[in-house]
């Protein structure tokens, strides 16, 4: 009996489901059949993106250095070559005028075979235009205003290499084409944190026919998802300092790097010349792109990372450190400089004709005596010396920074065997020891060198973002006497009467080293002119006791590191003192 009841219930359940299915089929085919036939016949589902703004990039003081400005664009829908003149007349009658370029763009789009999207009529409407369209033309179903976001770089060339710029995105919206807010980071911070800066776009769905005309059926338009703004980024950069440095370089091209020694914060990265990143926030004309790309000044070249050159005399810091730590000299050792040193059959000249007389390591740094460092380099030898270059980070990739880097060259055993076929002579060693010859480096590597000296052998990894972890490492275990002697020499470079860095002299607390890197031999008739003018280096820290900041200046064809870099360093230190050190005691 029980078995018979269960069978009947099962049959009843199946019957109910069958009846429901028949009713649903009847409803779909008979009642709603015409509606769905219309929808299925040459009709398509289109997704329209609702733009979202990129996150804002701030400097250390909350100043915007890159942000997205809202803008409103006017689109036309369901228009053709037959009726677009009526639409233009309607716009003109209400004082909404299209430029010649906008009219040509409209006519070009109308002739296209791909009219499955809106057609852009006018970009970046004014407040007055928005008001007119919203009030007087709101009944015109062929017009549609869409929000978009334009990336703005208020400091233009000053922060171009630092912040980066945007580039086009292959992903375009099927209804509105390419949106400005859909562009992506091409380089710099914009590229490094593109995933965080990019917001989450919303979406709205439409049914359109094969001609791109929107079809309005009850309950066929889908709801859309909400947009979400990209994450804001807070950097360690002081954009005011960045601007001061850029302006203080005047006619010079080159790069300047400023960091906080204690925590590694990057206060400024300047590369000059720069370019206006606003040009890349929207499509760039072929003429503008060609002009920028072919410029002899190479405005896209980031000279802080992508240029490596002989360091000139700033490398004497490492030569002195290696000689002292390896016991090749002591703090009391002296070398006589008559103005040259004979190596093989050739006289290697000191920069000072007539020489410096007897010099110890401290005085050799102050006067930048070439003969002293020729002699010391010969005592060290290339194998030992190249190891010390590596210890200081020469040839090192700082991969944690968002910039491509040219690493330069250390003439170690591998290099000598590969490129010089094992032939490296005493004269080559003498040149390398004073920063010439086969040795090259970039600005970031020179900056690490001075940071290690200022910190008595410690190095704090450079940081560009506020939320990055502070990482400090003991790089070199200097003997106290040795590091003290080197630092006394660097203080004298700026402050002694015979110091080569006197152009940076101000309050007796600036320490550093100048360098002049030869582009070609002094024996050439072209030496010192135009593109054959020497490069200038100046790397320094401040103040001498308890250093706070490190500064490195590279002046492309600046002739002399002291003359080119000294005034820039003074500007930087004056700004830093006034803003970060001369703080009244009643302020926190």
Protein backbone atom coordinates (compact mmCIF):
# COMPACT_ATOMS: atom_id res chain seq x y z
CA UNK A 1 0.00 0.00 0.00
CA UNK A 2 2.75 2.40 1.05
CA UNK A 3 4.63 1.59 -2.15
CA UNK A 4 1.55 2.46 -4.26
CA UNK A 5 1.20 5.85 -2.51
CA UNK A 6 4.85 6.72 -3.16
CA UNK A 7 4.42 5.86 -6.85
CA UNK A 8 1.36 8.08 -7.17
CA UNK A 9 3.18 11.01 -5.52
CA UNK A 10 6.11 10.63 -7.89
CA UNK A 11 3.81 10.63 -10.89
CA UNK A 12 2.06 13.74 -9.57
CA UNK A 13 5.35 15.63 -9.13
CA UNK A 14 6.46 14.78 -12.66
CA UNK A 15 3.10 15.84 -14.02
CA UNK A 16 3.29 19.22 -12.23
CA UNK A 17 6.75 19.95 -13.64
CA UNK A 18 5.57 18.94 -17.10
CA UNK A 19 2.59 21.29 -16.92
CA UNK A 20 4.83 24.16 -15.74
CA UNK A 21 7.22 23.54 -18.63
CA UNK A 22 4.37 23.49 -21.15
CA UNK A 23 3.03 26.77 -19.73
CA UNK A 24 6.46 28.40 -19.94
CA UNK A 25 6.91 27.29 -23.54
CA UNK A 26 3.43 28.61 -24.39
CA UNK A 27 4.26 31.95 -22.75
CA UNK A 28 7.58 32.27 -24.57
CA UNK A 29 6.34 31.25 -28.01
CA UNK A 30 2.81 32.60 -28.11
CA UNK A 31 2.51 35.51 -25.69
CA UNK A 32 6.11 36.92 -25.88
CA UNK A 33 7.04 35.33 -29.19
CA UNK A 34 6.91 38.50 -31.28
CA UNK A 35 8.96 40.42 -28.70
CA UNK A 36 11.75 37.85 -28.58
CA UNK A 37 11.71 37.42 -32.33
CA UNK A 38 12.38 41.15 -32.65
CA UNK A 39 15.18 40.93 -30.12
CA UNK A 40 16.86 37.99 -31.81
CA UNK A 41 16.64 39.27 -35.35
CA UNK A 42 19.92 41.10 -36.09
CA UNK A 43 20.07 42.57 -32.59
CA UNK A 44 23.10 42.57 -30.31
CA UNK A 45 23.90 43.15 -26.67
CA UNK A 46 26.33 46.04 -26.18
CA UNK A 47 28.22 46.89 -23.03
CA UNK A 48 29.05 50.55 -22.36
CA UNK A 49 31.76 51.42 -19.87
CA UNK A 50 31.03 53.97 -17.17
CA UNK A 51 34.42 55.65 -16.67
CA UNK A 52 36.13 55.87 -13.29
CA UNK A 53 38.88 58.32 -12.27
CA UNK A 54 42.48 57.23 -11.71
CA UNK A 55 43.86 57.69 -8.24
CA UNK A 56 45.67 60.91 -7.39
CA UNK A 57 49.45 60.99 -6.89
CA UNK A 58 50.52 63.29 -4.05
CA UNK A 59 53.87 64.60 -2.93
CA UNK A 60 54.98 64.26 0.71
CA UNK A 61 53.06 67.41 1.70
CA UNK A 62 49.74 66.45 0.13
CA UNK A 63 50.22 68.47 -3.07
CA UNK A 64 48.73 66.86 -6.18
CA UNK A 65 51.36 66.05 -8.79
CA UNK A 66 49.04 63.95 -10.96
CA UNK A 67 45.24 63.80 -10.86
CA UNK A 68 42.17 63.15 -12.99
CA UNK A 69 39.95 66.06 -14.00
CA UNK A 70 36.31 65.24 -14.76
CA UNK A 71 35.08 66.25 -18.18
CA UNK A 72 31.83 65.82 -20.11
CA UNK A 73 31.75 64.74 -23.75
CA UNK A 74 28.80 64.95 -26.13
CA UNK A 75 27.86 61.91 -28.20
CA UNK A 76 25.23 61.30 -30.86
CA UNK A 77 23.33 58.04 -31.22
CA UNK A 78 21.12 56.61 -33.93
CA UNK A 79 22.18 59.15 -36.56
CA UNK A 80 23.10 58.65 -40.19
CA UNK A 81 24.33 60.64 -43.17
CA UNK A 82 20.70 61.41 -43.93
CA UNK A 83 19.73 63.04 -40.66
CA UNK A 84 22.92 64.39 -39.07
CA UNK A 85 22.43 67.87 -40.60
CA UNK A 86 19.17 68.25 -38.70
CA UNK A 87 21.03 67.39 -35.51
CA UNK A 88 23.74 69.97 -36.25
CA UNK A 89 21.10 72.61 -36.91
CA UNK A 90 19.46 71.82 -33.60
CA UNK A 91 22.82 72.26 -31.87
CA UNK A 92 23.70 75.47 -33.69
CA UNK A 93 20.28 76.98 -32.98
CA UNK A 94 21.11 76.55 -29.32
CA UNK A 95 24.65 77.93 -29.64
CA UNK A 96 26.46 74.58 -29.42
CA UNK A 97 29.06 74.92 -32.15
CA UNK A 98 31.36 72.27 -33.60
CA UNK A 99 34.81 73.18 -34.85
CA UNK A 100 35.93 72.38 -38.38
CA UNK A 101 37.98 69.49 -36.99
CA UNK A 102 35.00 68.14 -35.04
CA UNK A 103 32.77 68.33 -38.11
CA UNK A 104 35.29 66.45 -40.24
CA UNK A 105 35.57 63.79 -37.55
CA UNK A 106 31.78 63.44 -37.46
CA UNK A 107 31.51 63.07 -41.24
CA UNK A 108 34.32 60.51 -41.26
CA UNK A 109 32.57 58.41 -38.62
CA UNK A 110 29.27 58.57 -40.47
CA UNK A 111 30.89 57.18 -43.63
CA UNK A 112 32.39 54.31 -41.70
CA UNK A 113 30.85 50.86 -41.94
CA UNK A 114 31.24 50.36 -38.23
CA UNK A 115 28.38 52.45 -36.86
CA UNK A 116 27.71 50.15 -33.92
CA UNK A 117 28.66 52.76 -31.36
CA UNK A 118 27.97 56.34 -30.35
CA UNK A 119 29.60 59.08 -32.40
CA UNK A 120 31.64 61.69 -30.57
CA UNK A 121 30.48 65.22 -31.37
CA UNK A 122 32.31 67.43 -28.92
CA UNK A 123 34.89 66.88 -26.15
CA UNK A 124 35.19 68.62 -22.81
CA UNK A 125 32.01 70.67 -22.77
CA UNK A 126 31.98 73.97 -20.92
CA UNK A 127 29.62 74.59 -18.00
CA UNK A 128 27.50 76.77 -20.26
CA UNK A 129 27.27 74.05 -22.93
CA UNK A 130 26.32 71.43 -20.38
CA UNK A 131 23.56 73.70 -19.04
CA UNK A 132 22.16 74.35 -22.53
CA UNK A 133 22.09 70.67 -23.47
CA UNK A 134 20.61 69.67 -20.13
CA UNK A 135 17.83 72.24 -20.28
CA UNK A 136 17.08 73.10 -23.90
CA UNK A 137 18.06 69.86 -25.65
CA UNK A 138 17.09 67.29 -23.04
CA UNK A 139 14.23 66.04 -25.22
CA UNK A 140 16.54 65.24 -28.13
CA UNK A 141 16.97 61.47 -27.85
CA UNK A 142 19.88 61.50 -30.27
CA UNK A 143 22.14 63.38 -27.85
CA UNK A 144 23.92 61.88 -24.87
CA UNK A 145 26.41 63.44 -22.45
CA UNK A 146 29.01 61.08 -20.97
CA UNK A 147 31.44 61.69 -18.12
CA UNK A 148 35.14 61.02 -18.73
CA UNK A 149 38.36 61.89 -16.90
CA UNK A 150 41.43 63.66 -18.25
CA UNK A 151 44.80 63.09 -16.55
CA UNK A 152 46.42 66.35 -15.46
CA UNK A 153 50.06 66.99 -14.58
CA UNK A 154 50.21 70.49 -13.04
CA UNK A 155 54.03 70.59 -12.87
CA UNK A 156 54.53 69.56 -16.49
CA UNK A 157 58.25 69.08 -17.36
CA UNK A 158 59.38 69.40 -13.73
CA UNK A 159 58.04 65.99 -12.75
CA UNK A 160 57.77 64.28 -16.13
CA UNK A 161 60.38 61.54 -15.65
CA UNK A 162 59.51 61.09 -12.00
CA UNK A 163 55.74 60.65 -12.37
CA UNK A 164 55.65 59.35 -15.92
CA UNK A 165 52.70 59.68 -18.30
CA UNK A 166 49.84 57.68 -19.79
CA UNK A 167 49.57 55.85 -23.07
CA UNK A 168 46.70 54.46 -25.13
CA UNK A 169 45.01 51.26 -24.11
CA UNK A 170 44.09 48.62 -26.69
CA UNK A 171 40.92 47.97 -24.74
CA UNK A 172 38.21 50.30 -26.00
CA UNK A 173 34.55 50.65 -25.17
CA UNK A 174 32.19 49.17 -27.77
CA UNK A 175 29.77 52.09 -27.47
CA UNK A 176 31.95 55.14 -26.88
CA UNK A 177 35.27 54.12 -28.45
CA UNK A 178 38.50 55.16 -26.71
CA UNK A 179 37.98 56.90 -23.37
CA UNK A 180 40.64 59.14 -21.80
CA UNK A 181 40.03 57.51 -18.43
CA UNK A 182 40.89 54.14 -19.94
CA UNK A 183 44.51 55.08 -20.67
CA UNK A 184 47.25 53.26 -18.77
CA UNK A 185 50.62 54.13 -17.24
CA UNK A 186 53.51 54.17 -19.70
CA UNK A 187 56.43 54.76 -17.32
CA UNK A 188 57.43 56.18 -13.94
CA UNK A 189 55.04 56.01 -11.00
CA UNK A 190 52.07 55.88 -13.38
CA UNK A 191 53.29 52.55 -14.74
CA UNK A 192 54.75 51.18 -11.52
CA UNK A 193 51.45 51.44 -9.64
CA UNK A 194 49.09 51.27 -12.61
CA UNK A 195 47.05 48.44 -11.07
CA UNK A 196 46.43 50.48 -7.92
CA UNK A 197 45.85 53.80 -9.68
CA UNK A 198 43.37 52.34 -12.15
CA UNK A 199 39.85 52.48 -10.82
CA UNK A 200 37.06 49.96 -11.34
CA UNK A 201 34.82 50.98 -14.22
CA UNK A 202 31.08 50.54 -14.16
CA UNK A 203 29.05 49.09 -17.01
CA UNK A 204 25.66 49.58 -18.65
CA UNK A 205 24.13 47.28 -21.25
CA UNK A 206 22.03 48.10 -24.30
CA UNK A 207 20.28 46.20 -27.08
CA UNK A 208 21.19 47.59 -30.50
CA UNK A 209 20.26 46.51 -33.97
CA UNK A 210 22.69 45.76 -36.80
CA UNK A 211 22.94 49.49 -37.62
CA UNK A 212 23.90 50.42 -34.11
CA UNK A 213 20.51 51.90 -33.25
CA UNK A 214 19.43 51.40 -29.68
CA UNK A 215 16.24 49.37 -29.22
CA UNK A 216 14.07 50.12 -26.23
CA UNK A 217 12.08 47.18 -24.98
CA UNK A 218 10.57 46.90 -21.57
CA UNK A 219 12.96 45.15 -19.15
CA UNK A 220 15.68 44.66 -21.76
CA UNK A 221 18.15 47.29 -20.48
CA UNK A 222 20.39 45.83 -17.80
CA UNK A 223 21.38 47.51 -14.57
CA UNK A 224 24.95 48.73 -14.30
CA UNK A 225 27.68 48.24 -11.71
CA UNK A 226 28.99 51.20 -9.69
CA UNK A 227 32.36 52.77 -10.45
CA UNK A 228 35.21 52.86 -7.96
CA UNK A 229 37.96 55.50 -7.95
CA UNK A 230 41.56 54.29 -8.17
CA UNK A 231 43.77 54.28 -5.09
CA UNK A 232 45.56 57.50 -4.15
CA UNK A 233 49.35 57.31 -3.91
CA UNK A 234 51.42 59.27 -1.40
CA UNK A 235 55.06 59.71 -2.39
CA UNK A 236 58.10 60.95 -0.47
CA UNK A 237 58.79 63.60 -3.12
CA UNK A 238 58.82 67.31 -2.28
CA UNK A 239 57.47 68.80 -5.49
CA UNK A 240 58.43 72.32 -4.42
CA UNK A 241 62.05 71.19 -4.09
CA UNK A 242 61.74 69.40 -7.42
CA UNK A 243 60.66 72.66 -9.05
CA UNK A 244 63.47 74.67 -7.44
CA UNK A 245 66.09 72.18 -8.67
CA UNK A 246 64.70 72.15 -12.21
CA UNK A 247 64.79 75.93 -12.37
CA UNK A 248 68.23 76.19 -10.74
CA UNK A 249 69.72 74.01 -13.49
CA UNK A 250 68.94 76.84 -15.94
CA UNK A 251 70.49 75.99 -19.33
CA UNK A 252 72.12 72.80 -18.04
CA UNK A 253 70.86 69.35 -18.93
CA UNK A 254 71.45 66.48 -16.54
CA UNK A 255 70.03 64.93 -13.39
CA UNK A 256 69.80 65.60 -9.67
CA UNK A 257 68.91 63.17 -6.88
CA UNK A 258 68.16 64.13 -3.27
CA UNK A 259 67.40 61.63 -0.49
CA UNK A 260 66.96 61.52 3.26
CA UNK A 261 69.95 59.61 4.67
CA UNK A 262 68.17 58.30 7.78
CA UNK A 263 65.12 56.72 6.16
CA UNK A 264 65.98 56.53 2.44
CA UNK A 265 63.11 58.78 1.36
CA UNK A 266 63.60 60.23 -2.11
CA UNK A 267 62.94 63.96 -1.88
CA UNK A 268 63.61 64.70 -5.53
CA UNK A 269 64.51 63.02 -8.81
CA UNK A 270 65.06 65.58 -11.54
CA UNK A 271 65.98 64.81 -15.13
CA UNK A 272 66.36 67.73 -17.50
CA UNK A 273 65.20 68.38 -20.13
CA UNK A 274 61.77 66.95 -19.51
CA UNK A 275 58.57 66.91 -21.53
CA UNK A 276 54.97 67.84 -20.89
CA UNK A 277 53.18 64.62 -19.84
CA UNK A 278 49.81 66.34 -20.40
CA UNK A 279 50.38 65.76 -24.12
CA UNK A 280 49.93 62.04 -23.56
CA UNK A 281 46.69 62.28 -21.60
CA UNK A 282 44.88 62.27 -24.94
CA UNK A 283 45.81 61.20 -28.48
CA UNK A 284 49.05 62.81 -29.62
CA UNK A 285 49.32 64.15 -33.15
CA UNK A 286 51.94 62.66 -35.44
CA UNK A 287 53.67 66.04 -35.77
CA UNK A 288 53.94 66.52 -32.00
CA UNK A 289 55.25 62.98 -31.53
CA UNK A 290 57.82 63.37 -34.30
CA UNK A 291 58.98 66.69 -32.88
CA UNK A 292 59.50 65.22 -29.40
CA UNK A 293 61.07 62.01 -30.63
CA UNK A 294 63.60 63.68 -32.90
CA UNK A 295 64.56 66.52 -30.54
CA UNK A 296 68.33 66.80 -30.17
CA UNK A 297 67.88 67.38 -26.42
CA UNK A 298 66.37 63.90 -25.99
CA UNK A 299 63.62 64.95 -23.54
CA UNK A 300 62.46 61.35 -22.98
CA UNK A 301 65.88 60.23 -21.75
CA UNK A 302 65.85 59.83 -17.97
CA UNK A 303 69.34 61.05 -17.19
CA UNK A 304 69.19 59.90 -13.56
CA UNK A 305 68.97 56.23 -14.56
CA UNK A 306 69.49 55.70 -18.27
CA UNK A 307 72.77 57.56 -18.71
CA UNK A 308 76.08 56.14 -17.53
CA UNK A 309 79.31 58.07 -17.85
CA UNK A 310 82.82 58.09 -16.41
CA UNK A 311 82.46 59.46 -12.86
CA UNK A 312 85.58 61.57 -12.92
CA UNK A 313 87.04 62.49 -9.55
CA UNK A 314 84.02 61.56 -7.42
CA UNK A 315 85.29 57.97 -7.70
CA UNK A 316 88.37 59.00 -5.71
CA UNK A 317 86.16 58.52 -2.64
CA UNK A 318 86.17 54.78 -3.31
CA UNK A 319 89.85 54.76 -4.27
CA UNK A 320 90.72 56.40 -0.95
CA UNK A 321 88.44 54.06 1.04
CA UNK A 322 89.83 50.95 -0.66
CA UNK A 323 93.43 52.05 -0.16
CA UNK A 324 92.94 52.76 3.55
CA UNK A 325 90.90 49.65 4.31
CA UNK A 326 93.25 47.38 2.37
CA UNK A 327 96.26 48.84 4.16
CA UNK A 328 97.89 50.14 0.97
CA UNK A 329 98.16 53.53 2.67
CA UNK A 330 97.52 54.96 6.13
CA UNK A 331 96.05 58.29 7.16
CA UNK A 332 99.64 59.56 7.47
CA UNK A 333 100.93 58.30 4.12
CA UNK A 334 102.02 60.94 1.62
CA UNK A 335 102.75 61.02 -2.11
CA UNK A 336 104.74 63.71 -3.89
CA UNK A 337 102.91 65.24 -6.87
CA UNK A 338 105.16 67.10 -9.37
CA UNK A 339 102.23 67.52 -11.78
CA UNK A 340 102.55 64.16 -13.49
CA UNK A 341 103.33 60.48 -12.94
CA UNK A 342 105.33 58.42 -15.41
CA UNK A 343 103.72 55.06 -16.18
CA UNK A 344 105.55 53.05 -18.82
CA UNK A 345 106.67 55.43 -21.53
CA UNK A 346 103.93 57.99 -20.89
CA UNK A 347 103.52 60.87 -18.45
CA UNK A 348 100.06 60.85 -16.83
CA UNK A 349 99.31 64.44 -15.96
CA UNK A 350 97.71 65.83 -12.84
CA UNK A 351 94.96 68.38 -13.51
CA UNK A 352 97.09 71.05 -11.75
CA UNK A 353 100.10 71.96 -13.82
CA UNK A 354 103.14 72.06 -11.55
CA UNK A 355 101.56 69.63 -9.11
CA UNK A 356 100.38 69.66 -5.48
CA UNK A 357 103.64 68.75 -3.74
CA UNK A 358 103.41 66.33 -0.79
CA UNK A 359 99.80 65.26 -0.13
CA UNK A 360 98.17 62.79 2.24
CA UNK A 361 94.81 61.15 1.56
CA UNK A 362 92.76 63.95 3.10
CA UNK A 363 94.57 66.68 1.16
CA UNK A 364 94.43 64.55 -2.00
CA UNK A 365 90.62 64.49 -1.73
CA UNK A 366 90.45 68.23 -1.02
CA UNK A 367 92.61 69.19 -4.01
CA UNK A 368 91.56 66.19 -6.14
CA UNK A 369 95.20 65.34 -6.82
CA UNK A 370 95.36 62.90 -9.73
CA UNK A 371 98.93 61.74 -9.06
CA UNK A 372 98.06 60.57 -5.53
CA UNK A 373 95.22 58.42 -6.88
CA UNK A 374 97.21 57.15 -9.88
CA UNK A 375 99.73 55.87 -7.35
CA UNK A 376 97.09 54.38 -5.05
CA UNK A 377 95.24 52.69 -7.90
CA UNK A 378 98.47 51.00 -9.00
CA UNK A 379 99.01 49.69 -5.47
CA UNK A 380 95.50 48.25 -5.30
CA UNK A 381 95.38 46.59 -8.71
CA UNK A 382 92.23 46.10 -10.76
CA UNK A 383 91.07 42.85 -9.11
CA UNK A 384 90.98 44.33 -5.62
CA UNK A 385 89.74 47.70 -6.82
CA UNK A 386 86.82 46.25 -8.82
CA UNK A 387 85.71 44.39 -5.66
CA UNK A 388 85.52 47.69 -3.81
CA UNK A 389 83.55 49.29 -6.63
CA UNK A 390 81.01 46.48 -6.28
CA UNK A 391 80.85 46.93 -2.50
CA UNK A 392 79.79 50.52 -3.01
CA UNK A 393 77.06 49.53 -5.48
CA UNK A 394 78.75 50.58 -8.72
CA UNK A 395 77.23 48.48 -11.50
CA UNK A 396 74.27 47.57 -9.27
CA UNK A 397 70.64 47.47 -10.38
CA UNK A 398 68.20 49.23 -8.04
CA UNK A 399 65.29 47.12 -9.21
CA UNK A 400 62.94 48.31 -6.46
CA UNK A 401 62.74 51.75 -8.11
CA UNK A 402 60.24 52.09 -11.01
CA UNK A 403 62.74 53.18 -13.64
CA UNK A 404 64.73 51.40 -16.31
CA UNK A 405 68.45 51.68 -15.59
CA UNK A 406 71.69 51.59 -17.54
CA UNK A 407 74.13 49.91 -15.20
CA UNK A 408 77.43 51.16 -16.54
CA UNK A 409 80.69 49.23 -16.46
CA UNK A 410 83.09 47.88 -13.88
CA UNK A 411 86.35 46.74 -15.54
CA UNK A 412 86.57 43.52 -13.56
CA UNK A 413 88.13 40.26 -14.70
CA UNK A 414 85.04 39.20 -16.66
CA UNK A 415 84.92 42.49 -18.53
CA UNK A 416 88.65 42.50 -19.24
CA UNK A 417 88.63 38.96 -20.60
CA UNK A 418 85.48 39.46 -22.67
CA UNK A 419 86.04 42.91 -24.17
CA UNK A 420 89.78 43.54 -23.81
CA UNK A 421 90.98 40.00 -24.47
CA UNK A 422 92.71 39.97 -21.11
CA UNK A 423 94.78 43.06 -21.85
CA UNK A 424 94.60 45.63 -19.06
CA UNK A 425 97.67 47.78 -18.50
CA UNK A 426 99.02 49.96 -15.70
CA UNK A 427 97.88 53.04 -17.57
CA UNK A 428 94.36 51.64 -17.71
CA UNK A 429 94.44 51.13 -13.95
CA UNK A 430 95.66 54.69 -13.39
CA UNK A 431 92.78 56.08 -15.46
CA UNK A 432 90.15 53.95 -13.69
CA UNK A 433 91.43 55.06 -10.26
CA UNK A 434 90.57 58.69 -11.09
CA UNK A 435 87.23 57.87 -12.74
CA UNK A 436 88.19 57.72 -16.41
CA UNK A 437 88.80 54.94 -18.88
CA UNK A 438 86.64 51.84 -18.82
CA UNK A 439 84.69 52.76 -15.67
CA UNK A 440 81.17 54.22 -16.03
CA UNK A 441 78.23 54.60 -13.67
CA UNK A 442 74.83 56.30 -13.38
CA UNK A 443 73.49 58.89 -10.94
CA UNK A 444 71.75 56.43 -8.62
CA UNK A 445 74.99 54.46 -8.17
CA UNK A 446 77.00 57.59 -7.43
CA UNK A 447 74.34 58.55 -4.93
CA UNK A 448 74.54 55.24 -3.11
CA UNK A 449 78.29 55.75 -2.81
CA UNK A 450 77.97 59.10 -1.00
CA UNK A 451 75.10 57.77 1.15
CA UNK A 452 77.31 54.93 2.43
CA UNK A 453 80.11 57.36 3.32
CA UNK A 454 77.74 59.78 5.07
CA UNK A 455 76.26 56.89 7.10
CA UNK A 456 79.67 55.45 8.13
CA UNK A 457 79.18 52.29 6.09
CA UNK A 458 75.43 51.84 6.42
CA UNK A 459 72.95 52.08 3.55
CA UNK A 460 69.20 52.68 3.79
CA UNK A 461 67.37 51.56 0.69
CA UNK A 462 65.88 54.44 -1.28
CA UNK A 463 62.10 54.79 -0.87
CA UNK A 464 59.70 56.56 -3.22
CA UNK A 465 56.41 55.80 -1.44
CA UNK A 466 55.36 56.76 2.06
CA UNK A 467 54.12 53.31 3.04
CA UNK A 468 57.32 51.45 2.10
CA UNK A 469 59.28 49.71 4.81
CA UNK A 470 62.59 51.25 5.95
CA UNK A 471 65.47 48.83 5.26
CA UNK A 472 68.97 49.62 6.54
CA UNK A 473 72.00 47.39 5.98
CA UNK A 474 75.62 47.54 7.10
CA UNK A 475 77.52 47.57 3.80
CA UNK A 476 81.13 48.24 4.84
CA UNK A 477 82.79 47.87 8.26
CA UNK A 478 85.05 50.91 8.11
CA UNK A 479 87.78 51.39 10.64
CA UNK A 480 86.81 54.50 12.58
CA UNK A 481 90.07 56.28 11.80
CA UNK A 482 89.71 55.64 8.07
CA UNK A 483 86.11 56.81 7.62
CA UNK A 484 86.84 59.88 9.74
CA UNK A 485 89.81 60.80 7.53
CA UNK A 486 87.75 60.43 4.35
CA UNK A 487 84.94 62.57 5.74
CA UNK A 488 87.40 65.28 6.85
CA UNK A 489 88.72 65.32 3.30
CA UNK A 490 85.20 65.68 1.87
CA UNK A 491 84.46 68.53 4.24
CA UNK A 492 87.62 70.23 3.02
CA UNK A 493 86.60 69.80 -0.63
CA UNK A 494 83.91 72.40 -0.03
CA UNK A 495 85.32 74.50 2.80
CA UNK A 496 89.14 74.61 2.50
CA UNK A 497 90.77 77.40 0.52
CA UNK A 498 92.17 74.89 -1.98
CA UNK A 499 88.99 72.81 -2.18
CA UNK A 500 87.51 72.14 -5.61
CA UNK A 501 83.91 72.36 -4.34
CA UNK A 502 83.98 75.93 -3.02
CA UNK A 503 80.99 76.87 -5.21
CA UNK A 504 78.80 74.95 -2.72
CA UNK A 505 80.29 76.68 0.33
CA UNK A 506 77.75 78.20 2.71
CA UNK A 507 77.85 77.48 6.47
CA UNK A 508 80.89 75.22 6.83
CA UNK A 509 78.73 72.08 7.06
CA UNK A 510 78.59 70.89 3.44
CA UNK A 511 80.81 67.90 2.57
CA UNK A 512 81.23 66.31 -0.83
CA UNK A 513 83.32 65.61 -3.89
CA UNK A 514 83.45 67.17 -7.31
CA UNK A 515 84.26 65.38 -10.54
CA UNK A 516 84.97 66.27 -14.13
CA UNK A 517 84.49 63.49 -16.65
CA UNK A 518 86.31 63.88 -19.96
CA UNK A 519 84.23 63.21 -23.05
CA UNK A 520 87.31 63.00 -25.29
CA UNK A 521 91.04 63.29 -24.77
CA UNK A 522 92.50 66.65 -23.79
CA UNK A 523 94.90 66.27 -26.74
CA UNK A 524 92.02 66.59 -29.21
CA UNK A 525 91.49 69.96 -30.88
CA UNK A 526 87.73 69.54 -30.21
CA UNK A 527 88.19 69.09 -26.46
CA UNK A 528 86.06 71.41 -24.31
CA UNK A 529 83.66 72.60 -27.02
CA UNK A 530 79.98 71.79 -27.58
CA UNK A 531 79.25 68.09 -27.35
CA UNK A 532 82.91 67.50 -26.47
CA UNK A 533 82.65 69.59 -23.34
CA UNK A 534 83.31 67.70 -20.09
CA UNK A 535 80.51 66.35 -17.89
CA UNK A 536 80.36 67.67 -14.34
CA UNK A 537 79.66 65.69 -11.16
CA UNK A 538 79.10 66.84 -7.60
CA UNK A 539 77.97 64.45 -4.86
CA UNK A 540 77.55 65.73 -1.31
CA UNK A 541 75.82 65.39 2.06
CA UNK A 542 74.59 67.83 4.69
CA UNK A 543 75.20 68.65 7.49
CA UNK A 544 78.65 67.27 8.23
CA UNK A 545 77.69 66.24 11.77
CA UNK A 546 74.67 63.89 11.80
CA UNK A 547 73.97 64.09 8.04
CA UNK A 548 70.34 64.44 6.98
CA UNK A 549 70.39 64.57 3.17
CA UNK A 550 72.53 63.30 0.32
CA UNK A 551 72.68 65.14 -3.01
CA UNK A 552 74.09 64.07 -6.36
CA UNK A 553 74.29 66.38 -9.36
CA UNK A 554 75.19 65.27 -12.89
CA UNK A 555 75.63 68.16 -15.31
CA UNK A 556 75.76 67.00 -18.92
CA UNK A 557 78.54 68.93 -20.67
CA UNK A 558 78.67 71.13 -17.56
CA UNK A 559 82.47 71.46 -17.95
CA UNK A 560 83.24 71.38 -14.21
CA UNK A 561 81.41 69.60 -11.41
CA UNK A 562 82.21 72.37 -8.97
CA UNK A 563 81.03 75.25 -11.15
CA UNK A 564 77.98 73.44 -12.51
CA UNK A 565 76.85 71.54 -9.42
CA UNK A 566 77.92 73.85 -6.57
CA UNK A 567 75.22 76.52 -7.02
CA UNK A 568 72.54 73.84 -7.39
CA UNK A 569 73.63 72.16 -4.16
CA UNK A 570 73.50 75.50 -2.35
CA UNK A 571 69.93 76.04 -3.55
CA UNK A 572 68.92 72.57 -2.36
CA UNK A 573 70.48 72.94 1.09
CA UNK A 574 69.05 76.43 1.61
CA UNK A 575 65.57 75.13 0.81
CA UNK A 576 65.99 72.08 3.03
CA UNK A 577 67.26 74.12 5.98
CA UNK A 578 64.40 76.60 5.79
CA UNK A 579 61.69 73.99 5.40
CA UNK A 580 62.87 71.02 7.43
CA UNK A 581 65.55 72.16 9.88
CA UNK A 582 64.90 75.76 10.97
CA UNK A 583 61.71 74.89 12.85
CA UNK A 584 60.61 77.01 15.83
CA UNK A 585 60.66 75.09 19.11
CA UNK A 586 56.97 75.74 19.84
CA UNK A 587 55.96 73.72 16.77
CA UNK A 588 55.66 69.93 16.88
